[in-house]
């Protein structure tokens, strides 16, 4: 009897703590299902580049990456990484309050795409500022030595403890106060070319991914213990538990409205084309 050959699926894995609920236990849930997973780990910007160039088939990508290359991707329904108020991991660090940054140079983490666009939108359209920007490696101390303010994201922002006083502005909280809508940083996407050839496998991956996420979010204490080795007595436990508890992983109607508004502002800013209709992987809707 011939053994059915497993289908290879190259999956992008963002190396930040906020993606742990997606990934922890996922491989075991897909074991024996006919999918051979090949993992690629990196920052959001690195994962964006690899899926854009066809080196990855499926990944959580920056929402702006989807907008800038809509012809390449289909979105997984109901999944995202977003925030309805503060995120704690998308921070503007500055030597003075944000209200005093008009005309200032701002350093942007080169790991970021959506958050960098969000900051530029807030400065331009909420505050009516004119700023200059530069992209730098994600090192808050070095970034602030080169500019009056800097954008840091992910674990670098979550666990940053400055040696001197700096102002911290949570950008998704600022967006929420301004628009009364949540902010969607990342969506799960599949390359259209891969989807055309492997719809059944994509649907299987999506269903296991969604189930895995839901199970992990039901017991965050277990997730942190198994996934990060953190217990109730660990110094980082309260920070990480509260962080994951507050994030939003569901692409619901409010999140979609916030995403569409972000897309409109990105187009007005001139950093993305006119948004088309959001296109989902329809096999995942069945």
C-alpha atoms as a PDB file:
ATOM      1  CA  UNK A   1       0.000   0.000   0.000  1.00  0.00           C
ATOM      2  CA  UNK A   2       1.338   3.412  -0.970  1.00  0.00           C
ATOM      3  CA  UNK A   3       1.637   6.036   1.718  1.00  0.00           C
ATOM      4  CA  UNK A   4       0.145   9.383   0.784  1.00  0.00           C
ATOM      5  CA  UNK A   5       2.852  12.016   0.421  1.00  0.00           C
ATOM      6  CA  UNK A   6       2.517  14.850   2.923  1.00  0.00           C
ATOM      7  CA  UNK A   7       1.979  18.341   1.505  1.00  0.00           C
ATOM      8  CA  UNK A   8       4.630  20.826   2.519  1.00  0.00           C
ATOM      9  CA  UNK A   9       3.395  24.061   4.102  1.00  0.00           C
ATOM     10  CA  UNK A  10       5.965  26.764   4.845  1.00  0.00           C
ATOM     11  CA  UNK A  11       4.725  28.712   7.860  1.00  0.00           C
ATOM     12  CA  UNK A  12       6.009  32.044   9.125  1.00  0.00           C
ATOM     13  CA  UNK A  13       6.447  32.401  12.864  1.00  0.00           C
ATOM     14  CA  UNK A  14       6.803  35.881  14.359  1.00  0.00           C
ATOM     15  CA  UNK A  15       9.176  35.639  17.308  1.00  0.00           C
ATOM     16  CA  UNK A  16       7.186  37.895  19.657  1.00  0.00           C
ATOM     17  CA  UNK A  17       5.337  36.746  22.769  1.00  0.00           C
ATOM     18  CA  UNK A  18       2.008  37.955  21.350  1.00  0.00           C
ATOM     19  CA  UNK A  19       1.991  35.087  18.813  1.00  0.00           C
ATOM     20  CA  UNK A  20       2.431  32.330  21.408  1.00  0.00           C
ATOM     21  CA  UNK A  21      -1.335  31.537  21.589  1.00  0.00           C
ATOM     22  CA  UNK A  22      -1.285  30.685  17.878  1.00  0.00           C
ATOM     23  CA  UNK A  23       1.779  28.474  17.818  1.00  0.00           C
ATOM     24  CA  UNK A  24       2.018  26.598  21.108  1.00  0.00           C
ATOM     25  CA  UNK A  25       0.820  23.045  20.482  1.00  0.00           C
ATOM     26  CA  UNK A  26      -0.098  23.664  16.854  1.00  0.00           C
ATOM     27  CA  UNK A  27       2.382  21.212  15.358  1.00  0.00           C
ATOM     28  CA  UNK A  28       1.113  18.356  17.499  1.00  0.00           C
ATOM     29  CA  UNK A  29      -2.484  19.143  16.505  1.00  0.00           C
ATOM     30  CA  UNK A  30      -1.487  18.813  12.854  1.00  0.00           C
ATOM     31  CA  UNK A  31       0.588  15.677  13.340  1.00  0.00           C
ATOM     32  CA  UNK A  32      -0.558  12.891  11.010  1.00  0.00           C
ATOM     33  CA  UNK A  33      -2.901  15.210   9.081  1.00  0.00           C
ATOM     34  CA  UNK A  34      -0.943  15.107   5.819  1.00  0.00           C
ATOM     35  CA  UNK A  35       0.781  18.475   6.260  1.00  0.00           C
ATOM     36  CA  UNK A  36       4.515  18.762   6.641  1.00  0.00           C
ATOM     37  CA  UNK A  37       5.151  22.084   8.358  1.00  0.00           C
ATOM     38  CA  UNK A  38       8.338  23.983   7.655  1.00  0.00           C
ATOM     39  CA  UNK A  39       8.867  26.885  10.042  1.00  0.00           C
ATOM     40  CA  UNK A  40      10.536  30.236   9.401  1.00  0.00           C
ATOM     41  CA  UNK A  41      11.027  32.517  12.385  1.00  0.00           C
ATOM     42  CA  UNK A  42      11.587  36.260  12.311  1.00  0.00           C
ATOM     43  CA  UNK A  43      10.388  39.771  13.069  1.00  0.00           C
ATOM     44  CA  UNK A  44       7.180  41.061  11.433  1.00  0.00           C
ATOM     45  CA  UNK A  45       9.209  42.873   8.757  1.00  0.00           C
ATOM     46  CA  UNK A  46      11.258  39.745   8.024  1.00  0.00           C
ATOM     47  CA  UNK A  47       8.153  37.533   7.766  1.00  0.00           C
ATOM     48  CA  UNK A  48       6.486  40.125   5.514  1.00  0.00           C
ATOM     49  CA  UNK A  49       9.455  40.068   3.148  1.00  0.00           C
ATOM     50  CA  UNK A  50       9.681  36.282   3.000  1.00  0.00           C
ATOM     51  CA  UNK A  51       6.000  35.679   2.260  1.00  0.00           C
ATOM     52  CA  UNK A  52       6.020  38.524  -0.270  1.00  0.00           C
ATOM     53  CA  UNK A  53       8.919  36.858  -2.108  1.00  0.00           C
ATOM     54  CA  UNK A  54       7.297  33.414  -2.024  1.00  0.00           C
ATOM     55  CA  UNK A  55       9.612  31.875   0.576  1.00  0.00           C
ATOM     56  CA  UNK A  56       6.666  31.290   2.962  1.00  0.00           C
ATOM     57  CA  UNK A  57       3.146  30.066   2.162  1.00  0.00           C
ATOM     58  CA  UNK A  58       1.155  31.027   5.267  1.00  0.00           C
ATOM     59  CA  UNK A  59       1.888  33.536   8.022  1.00  0.00           C
ATOM     60  CA  UNK A  60       0.615  36.313  10.260  1.00  0.00           C
ATOM     61  CA  UNK A  61       1.549  39.411   8.266  1.00  0.00           C
ATOM     62  CA  UNK A  62       1.407  43.113   9.022  1.00  0.00           C
ATOM     63  CA  UNK A  63      -1.971  44.539   8.059  1.00  0.00           C
ATOM     64  CA  UNK A  64      -0.159  47.129   5.946  1.00  0.00           C
ATOM     65  CA  UNK A  65       1.701  44.344   4.110  1.00  0.00           C
ATOM     66  CA  UNK A  66      -1.661  42.950   3.046  1.00  0.00           C
ATOM     67  CA  UNK A  67      -2.813  46.362   1.827  1.00  0.00           C
ATOM     68  CA  UNK A  68       0.380  47.055  -0.090  1.00  0.00           C
ATOM     69  CA  UNK A  69       0.274  43.675  -1.850  1.00  0.00           C
ATOM     70  CA  UNK A  70      -3.398  42.704  -1.959  1.00  0.00           C
ATOM     71  CA  UNK A  71      -2.952  40.794  -5.205  1.00  0.00           C
ATOM     72  CA  UNK A  72      -0.654  38.276  -3.477  1.00  0.00           C
ATOM     73  CA  UNK A  73      -2.737  37.269  -0.452  1.00  0.00           C
ATOM     74  CA  UNK A  74      -6.003  35.937   0.899  1.00  0.00           C
ATOM     75  CA  UNK A  75      -6.934  36.508   4.544  1.00  0.00           C
ATOM     76  CA  UNK A  76      -7.901  33.879   7.110  1.00  0.00           C
ATOM     77  CA  UNK A  77     -11.300  34.825   8.586  1.00  0.00           C
ATOM     78  CA  UNK A  78     -11.767  35.630  12.272  1.00  0.00           C
ATOM     79  CA  UNK A  79      -8.041  35.732  13.158  1.00  0.00           C
ATOM     80  CA  UNK A  80      -5.801  38.712  13.853  1.00  0.00           C
ATOM     81  CA  UNK A  81      -3.572  40.386  16.405  1.00  0.00           C
ATOM     82  CA  UNK A  82      -5.181  43.593  17.555  1.00  0.00           C
ATOM     83  CA  UNK A  83      -6.038  45.820  20.464  1.00  0.00           C
ATOM     84  CA  UNK A  84      -9.174  47.560  21.650  1.00  0.00           C
ATOM     85  CA  UNK A  85      -7.296  49.999  23.849  1.00  0.00           C
ATOM     86  CA  UNK A  86      -3.709  49.725  25.094  1.00  0.00           C
ATOM     87  CA  UNK A  87      -1.433  47.073  23.650  1.00  0.00           C
ATOM     88  CA  UNK A  88       1.667  47.553  25.856  1.00  0.00           C
ATOM     89  CA  UNK A  89       3.928  46.460  22.998  1.00  0.00           C
ATOM     90  CA  UNK A  90       3.603  49.277  20.448  1.00  0.00           C
ATOM     91  CA  UNK A  91       5.169  52.274  22.133  1.00  0.00           C
ATOM     92  CA  UNK A  92       6.424  55.702  21.202  1.00  0.00           C
ATOM     93  CA  UNK A  93       9.276  56.528  23.578  1.00  0.00           C
ATOM     94  CA  UNK A  94      10.139  60.210  23.692  1.00  0.00           C
ATOM     95  CA  UNK A  95      12.178  62.764  25.561  1.00  0.00           C
ATOM     96  CA  UNK A  96       9.118  64.997  25.849  1.00  0.00           C
ATOM     97  CA  UNK A  97       5.361  64.545  25.571  1.00  0.00           C
ATOM     98  CA  UNK A  98       4.013  63.676  22.144  1.00  0.00           C
ATOM     99  CA  UNK A  99       2.378  67.120  21.919  1.00  0.00           C
ATOM    100  CA  UNK A 100       5.858  68.648  21.667  1.00  0.00           C
ATOM    101  CA  UNK A 101       7.156  66.526  18.791  1.00  0.00           C
ATOM    102  CA  UNK A 102       6.071  68.676  15.851  1.00  0.00           C
ATOM    103  CA  UNK A 103       8.972  68.899  13.397  1.00  0.00           C
ATOM    104  CA  UNK A 104      11.076  66.386  15.322  1.00  0.00           C
ATOM    105  CA  UNK A 105      13.049  63.462  13.949  1.00  0.00           C
ATOM    106  CA  UNK A 106      11.506  60.110  14.926  1.00  0.00           C
ATOM    107  CA  UNK A 107      13.356  56.800  14.812  1.00  0.00           C
ATOM    108  CA  UNK A 108      11.266  53.808  13.682  1.00  0.00           C
ATOM    109  CA  UNK A 109      12.085  50.212  14.503  1.00  0.00           C
ATOM    110  CA  UNK A 110      13.042  48.439  11.287  1.00  0.00           C
ATOM    111  CA  UNK A 111      11.087  45.430  12.571  1.00  0.00           C
ATOM    112  CA  UNK A 112       7.796  47.292  12.198  1.00  0.00           C
ATOM    113  CA  UNK A 113       5.465  48.052   9.291  1.00  0.00           C
ATOM    114  CA  UNK A 114       1.887  48.534  10.541  1.00  0.00           C
ATOM    115  CA  UNK A 115       2.942  50.247  13.775  1.00  0.00           C
ATOM    116  CA  UNK A 116       5.254  52.608  11.897  1.00  0.00           C
ATOM    117  CA  UNK A 117       2.377  53.524   9.595  1.00  0.00           C
ATOM    118  CA  UNK A 118       0.068  53.998  12.584  1.00  0.00           C
ATOM    119  CA  UNK A 119       2.516  56.417  14.190  1.00  0.00           C
ATOM    120  CA  UNK A 120       2.869  58.426  10.980  1.00  0.00           C
ATOM    121  CA  UNK A 121      -0.925  58.582  10.630  1.00  0.00           C
ATOM    122  CA  UNK A 122      -1.407  59.773  14.205  1.00  0.00           C
ATOM    123  CA  UNK A 123       1.259  62.461  13.930  1.00  0.00           C
ATOM    124  CA  UNK A 124      -0.019  63.668  10.538  1.00  0.00           C
ATOM    125  CA  UNK A 125      -3.799  63.497  10.880  1.00  0.00           C
ATOM    126  CA  UNK A 126      -4.508  63.605  14.618  1.00  0.00           C
ATOM    127  CA  UNK A 127      -1.826  66.103  15.677  1.00  0.00           C
ATOM    128  CA  UNK A 128      -1.304  67.836  12.289  1.00  0.00           C
ATOM    129  CA  UNK A 129       2.467  67.551  12.725  1.00  0.00           C
ATOM    130  CA  UNK A 130       5.217  67.466  10.125  1.00  0.00           C
ATOM    131  CA  UNK A 131       7.972  65.037  11.086  1.00  0.00           C
ATOM    132  CA  UNK A 132      11.035  63.366   9.654  1.00  0.00           C
ATOM    133  CA  UNK A 133      11.582  59.645  10.069  1.00  0.00           C
ATOM    134  CA  UNK A 134      14.470  57.210   9.972  1.00  0.00           C
ATOM    135  CA  UNK A 135      14.525  53.438  10.309  1.00  0.00           C
ATOM    136  CA  UNK A 136      16.928  51.874  12.788  1.00  0.00           C
ATOM    137  CA  UNK A 137      17.688  48.532  14.429  1.00  0.00           C
ATOM    138  CA  UNK A 138      15.389  47.994  17.390  1.00  0.00           C
ATOM    139  CA  UNK A 139      17.450  49.291  20.294  1.00  0.00           C
ATOM    140  CA  UNK A 140      15.586  51.976  22.281  1.00  0.00           C
ATOM    141  CA  UNK A 141      18.665  53.457  23.929  1.00  0.00           C
ATOM    142  CA  UNK A 142      20.546  53.873  20.659  1.00  0.00           C
ATOM    143  CA  UNK A 143      17.431  55.081  18.852  1.00  0.00           C
ATOM    144  CA  UNK A 144      16.820  57.825  21.407  1.00  0.00           C
ATOM    145  CA  UNK A 145      20.443  58.916  21.100  1.00  0.00           C
ATOM    146  CA  UNK A 146      19.766  59.688  17.418  1.00  0.00           C
ATOM    147  CA  UNK A 147      16.265  61.163  17.632  1.00  0.00           C
ATOM    148  CA  UNK A 148      13.894  62.920  20.012  1.00  0.00           C
ATOM    149  CA  UNK A 149      11.482  59.970  19.899  1.00  0.00           C
ATOM    150  CA  UNK A 150      11.462  56.354  18.774  1.00  0.00           C
ATOM    151  CA  UNK A 151       8.953  53.624  17.974  1.00  0.00           C
ATOM    152  CA  UNK A 152       9.571  50.172  19.447  1.00  0.00           C
ATOM    153  CA  UNK A 153       7.340  47.123  19.178  1.00  0.00           C
ATOM    154  CA  UNK A 154       6.981  43.563  20.424  1.00  0.00           C
ATOM    155  CA  UNK A 155       8.963  42.192  23.339  1.00  0.00           C
ATOM    156  CA  UNK A 156      11.467  45.054  23.072  1.00  0.00           C
ATOM    157  CA  UNK A 157       8.655  47.436  24.020  1.00  0.00           C
ATOM    158  CA  UNK A 158       6.902  45.148  26.483  1.00  0.00           C
ATOM    159  CA  UNK A 159       9.977  44.573  28.636  1.00  0.00           C
ATOM    160  CA  UNK A 160      11.779  47.899  28.149  1.00  0.00           C
ATOM    161  CA  UNK A 161      12.998  49.501  31.377  1.00  0.00           C
ATOM    162  CA  UNK A 162      14.832  52.772  30.639  1.00  0.00           C
ATOM    163  CA  UNK A 163      17.795  53.968  32.673  1.00  0.00           C
ATOM    164  CA  UNK A 164      16.465  57.533  32.508  1.00  0.00           C
ATOM    165  CA  UNK A 165      12.951  58.920  32.400  1.00  0.00           C
ATOM    166  CA  UNK A 166      11.176  58.792  29.034  1.00  0.00           C
ATOM    167  CA  UNK A 167       7.568  59.342  28.071  1.00  0.00           C
ATOM    168  CA  UNK A 168       5.745  56.229  26.893  1.00  0.00           C
ATOM    169  CA  UNK A 169       2.782  56.611  24.538  1.00  0.00           C
ATOM    170  CA  UNK A 170       0.803  53.502  23.683  1.00  0.00           C
ATOM    171  CA  UNK A 171      -0.182  53.952  20.032  1.00  0.00           C
ATOM    172  CA  UNK A 172      -3.168  51.605  19.928  1.00  0.00           C
ATOM    173  CA  UNK A 173      -4.595  53.371  22.995  1.00  0.00           C
ATOM    174  CA  UNK A 174      -4.130  56.685  21.195  1.00  0.00           C
ATOM    175  CA  UNK A 175      -5.877  55.280  18.101  1.00  0.00           C
ATOM    176  CA  UNK A 176      -8.761  54.019  20.254  1.00  0.00           C
ATOM    177  CA  UNK A 177      -9.222  57.405  21.933  1.00  0.00           C
ATOM    178  CA  UNK A 178      -9.162  59.136  18.527  1.00  0.00           C
ATOM    179  CA  UNK A 179     -11.332  56.789  16.439  1.00  0.00           C
ATOM    180  CA  UNK A 180     -13.265  54.732  19.039  1.00  0.00           C
ATOM    181  CA  UNK A 181     -12.271  51.674  16.997  1.00  0.00           C
ATOM    182  CA  UNK A 182      -9.822  48.834  17.701  1.00  0.00           C
ATOM    183  CA  UNK A 183      -6.564  48.592  15.812  1.00  0.00           C
ATOM    184  CA  UNK A 184      -5.563  45.512  13.816  1.00  0.00           C
ATOM    185  CA  UNK A 185      -1.782  45.105  13.655  1.00  0.00           C
ATOM    186  CA  UNK A 186      -1.638  41.758  11.916  1.00  0.00           C
ATOM    187  CA  UNK A 187      -3.795  39.368   9.897  1.00  0.00           C
ATOM    188  CA  UNK A 188      -3.196  35.745   8.987  1.00  0.00           C
ATOM    189  CA  UNK A 189      -2.736  35.350   5.240  1.00  0.00           C
ATOM    190  CA  UNK A 190      -2.015  32.692   2.646  1.00  0.00           C
ATOM    191  CA  UNK A 191      -0.378  33.294  -0.697  1.00  0.00           C
ATOM    192  CA  UNK A 192      -2.958  33.022  -3.481  1.00  0.00           C
ATOM    193  CA  UNK A 193      -0.654  30.780  -5.508  1.00  0.00           C
ATOM    194  CA  UNK A 194      -0.403  28.264  -2.649  1.00  0.00           C
ATOM    195  CA  UNK A 195      -4.124  28.444  -1.939  1.00  0.00           C
ATOM    196  CA  UNK A 196      -5.060  27.624  -5.542  1.00  0.00           C
ATOM    197  CA  UNK A 197      -3.139  24.356  -5.363  1.00  0.00           C
ATOM    198  CA  UNK A 198      -3.903  23.339  -1.763  1.00  0.00           C
ATOM    199  CA  UNK A 199      -7.345  24.539  -0.681  1.00  0.00           C
ATOM    200  CA  UNK A 200      -8.107  21.438   1.404  1.00  0.00           C
ATOM    201  CA  UNK A 201      -4.796  21.670   3.220  1.00  0.00           C
ATOM    202  CA  UNK A 202      -5.246  25.392   3.844  1.00  0.00           C
ATOM    203  CA  UNK A 203      -8.703  24.764   5.310  1.00  0.00           C
ATOM    204  CA  UNK A 204      -7.277  22.042   7.561  1.00  0.00           C
ATOM    205  CA  UNK A 205      -4.434  24.285   8.730  1.00  0.00           C
ATOM    206  CA  UNK A 206      -6.833  27.146   9.421  1.00  0.00           C
ATOM    207  CA  UNK A 207      -9.229  24.993  11.450  1.00  0.00           C
ATOM    208  CA  UNK A 208      -6.448  23.544  13.605  1.00  0.00           C
ATOM    209  CA  UNK A 209      -4.888  26.996  14.032  1.00  0.00           C
ATOM    210  CA  UNK A 210      -8.170  28.548  15.170  1.00  0.00           C
ATOM    211  CA  UNK A 211      -8.935  25.655  17.541  1.00  0.00           C
ATOM    212  CA  UNK A 212      -5.415  25.804  18.960  1.00  0.00           C
ATOM    213  CA  UNK A 213      -5.702  29.543  19.575  1.00  0.00           C
ATOM    214  CA  UNK A 214      -9.033  29.170  21.351  1.00  0.00           C
ATOM    215  CA  UNK A 215      -7.737  26.362  23.593  1.00  0.00           C
ATOM    216  CA  UNK A 216      -4.630  28.329  24.564  1.00  0.00           C
ATOM    217  CA  UNK A 217      -6.589  31.482  25.367  1.00  0.00           C
ATOM    218  CA  UNK A 218      -8.901  29.517  27.656  1.00  0.00           C
ATOM    219  CA  UNK A 219      -6.039  28.784  30.070  1.00  0.00           C
ATOM    220  CA  UNK A 220      -3.344  31.447  29.931  1.00  0.00           C
ATOM    221  CA  UNK A 221      -1.674  30.194  33.100  1.00  0.00           C
ATOM    222  CA  UNK A 222      -1.099  26.797  31.468  1.00  0.00           C
ATOM    223  CA  UNK A 223       0.051  28.438  28.235  1.00  0.00           C
ATOM    224  CA  UNK A 224       2.680  30.527  30.028  1.00  0.00           C
ATOM    225  CA  UNK A 225       3.875  27.563  32.056  1.00  0.00           C
ATOM    226  CA  UNK A 226       4.180  25.209  29.077  1.00  0.00           C
ATOM    227  CA  UNK A 227       5.126  27.723  26.410  1.00  0.00           C
ATOM    228  CA  UNK A 228       7.472  30.056  28.291  1.00  0.00           C
ATOM    229  CA  UNK A 229       8.313  28.235  31.513  1.00  0.00           C
ATOM    230  CA  UNK A 230       6.675  30.999  33.563  1.00  0.00           C
ATOM    231  CA  UNK A 231       4.878  30.183  36.812  1.00  0.00           C
ATOM    232  CA  UNK A 232       2.846  32.333  39.178  1.00  0.00           C
ATOM    233  CA  UNK A 233       6.027  33.112  41.104  1.00  0.00           C
ATOM    234  CA  UNK A 234       7.971  34.234  38.010  1.00  0.00           C
ATOM    235  CA  UNK A 235       8.815  37.932  37.872  1.00  0.00           C
ATOM    236  CA  UNK A 236       7.522  38.301  34.320  1.00  0.00           C
ATOM    237  CA  UNK A 237       4.313  36.309  34.861  1.00  0.00           C
ATOM    238  CA  UNK A 238       1.958  39.239  35.735  1.00  0.00           C
ATOM    239  CA  UNK A 239       3.252  41.333  32.829  1.00  0.00           C
ATOM    240  CA  UNK A 240       2.901  38.583  30.224  1.00  0.00           C
ATOM    241  CA  UNK A 241      -0.420  37.281  31.572  1.00  0.00           C
ATOM    242  CA  UNK A 242      -1.987  40.752  31.549  1.00  0.00           C
ATOM    243  CA  UNK A 243      -0.514  41.470  28.135  1.00  0.00           C
ATOM    244  CA  UNK A 244      -1.972  38.396  26.427  1.00  0.00           C
ATOM    245  CA  UNK A 245      -5.264  38.746  28.300  1.00  0.00           C
ATOM    246  CA  UNK A 246      -5.747  42.272  26.966  1.00  0.00           C
ATOM    247  CA  UNK A 247      -4.870  41.610  23.322  1.00  0.00           C
ATOM    248  CA  UNK A 248      -7.557  40.742  20.787  1.00  0.00           C
ATOM    249  CA  UNK A 249      -7.166  37.799  18.440  1.00  0.00           C
ATOM    250  CA  UNK A 250     -10.559  37.923  16.752  1.00  0.00           C
ATOM    251  CA  UNK A 251     -11.158  39.667  13.437  1.00  0.00           C
ATOM    252  CA  UNK A 252     -14.725  40.684  14.283  1.00  0.00           C
ATOM    253  CA  UNK A 253     -16.818  43.464  12.778  1.00  0.00           C
ATOM    254  CA  UNK A 254     -15.390  46.229  14.974  1.00  0.00           C
ATOM    255  CA  UNK A 255     -11.838  45.111  14.198  1.00  0.00           C
ATOM    256  CA  UNK A 256     -12.686  45.072  10.478  1.00  0.00           C
ATOM    257  CA  UNK A 257     -14.023  48.623  10.692  1.00  0.00           C
ATOM    258  CA  UNK A 258     -10.826  49.752  12.410  1.00  0.00           C
ATOM    259  CA  UNK A 259      -8.765  47.958   9.764  1.00  0.00           C
ATOM    260  CA  UNK A 260     -10.622  49.630   6.917  1.00  0.00           C
ATOM    261  CA  UNK A 261     -10.193  53.068   8.505  1.00  0.00           C
ATOM    262  CA  UNK A 262      -6.469  52.416   8.909  1.00  0.00           C
ATOM    263  CA  UNK A 263      -6.288  51.419   5.244  1.00  0.00           C
ATOM    264  CA  UNK A 264      -8.015  54.645   4.226  1.00  0.00           C
ATOM    265  CA  UNK A 265      -5.544  56.743   6.211  1.00  0.00           C
ATOM    266  CA  UNK A 266      -2.581  54.792   4.815  1.00  0.00           C
ATOM    267  CA  UNK A 267      -3.799  55.536   1.295  1.00  0.00           C
ATOM    268  CA  UNK A 268      -4.263  59.239   2.159  1.00  0.00           C
ATOM    269  CA  UNK A 269      -0.737  59.313   3.557  1.00  0.00           C
ATOM    270  CA  UNK A 270       0.570  57.957   0.269  1.00  0.00           C
ATOM    271  CA  UNK A 271       2.146  54.770   1.650  1.00  0.00           C
ATOM    272  CA  UNK A 272      -0.355  52.299   0.178  1.00  0.00           C
ATOM    273  CA  UNK A 273      -2.648  51.934  -2.836  1.00  0.00           C
ATOM    274  CA  UNK A 274      -6.390  52.455  -2.688  1.00  0.00           C
ATOM    275  CA  UNK A 275      -7.851  49.643  -0.572  1.00  0.00           C
ATOM    276  CA  UNK A 276      -9.739  46.958  -2.433  1.00  0.00           C
ATOM    277  CA  UNK A 277     -12.366  44.679  -0.948  1.00  0.00           C
ATOM    278  CA  UNK A 278     -10.938  42.416   1.736  1.00  0.00           C
ATOM    279  CA  UNK A 279     -10.596  38.970   0.199  1.00  0.00           C
ATOM    280  CA  UNK A 280     -10.767  35.885   2.393  1.00  0.00           C
ATOM    281  CA  UNK A 281      -9.725  32.301   1.775  1.00  0.00           C
ATOM    282  CA  UNK A 282     -13.236  31.055   1.039  1.00  0.00           C
ATOM    283  CA  UNK A 283     -12.424  27.418   1.771  1.00  0.00           C
ATOM    284  CA  UNK A 284     -11.926  28.496   5.392  1.00  0.00           C
ATOM    285  CA  UNK A 285     -15.448  29.920   5.533  1.00  0.00           C
ATOM    286  CA  UNK A 286     -17.060  26.590   4.737  1.00  0.00           C
END
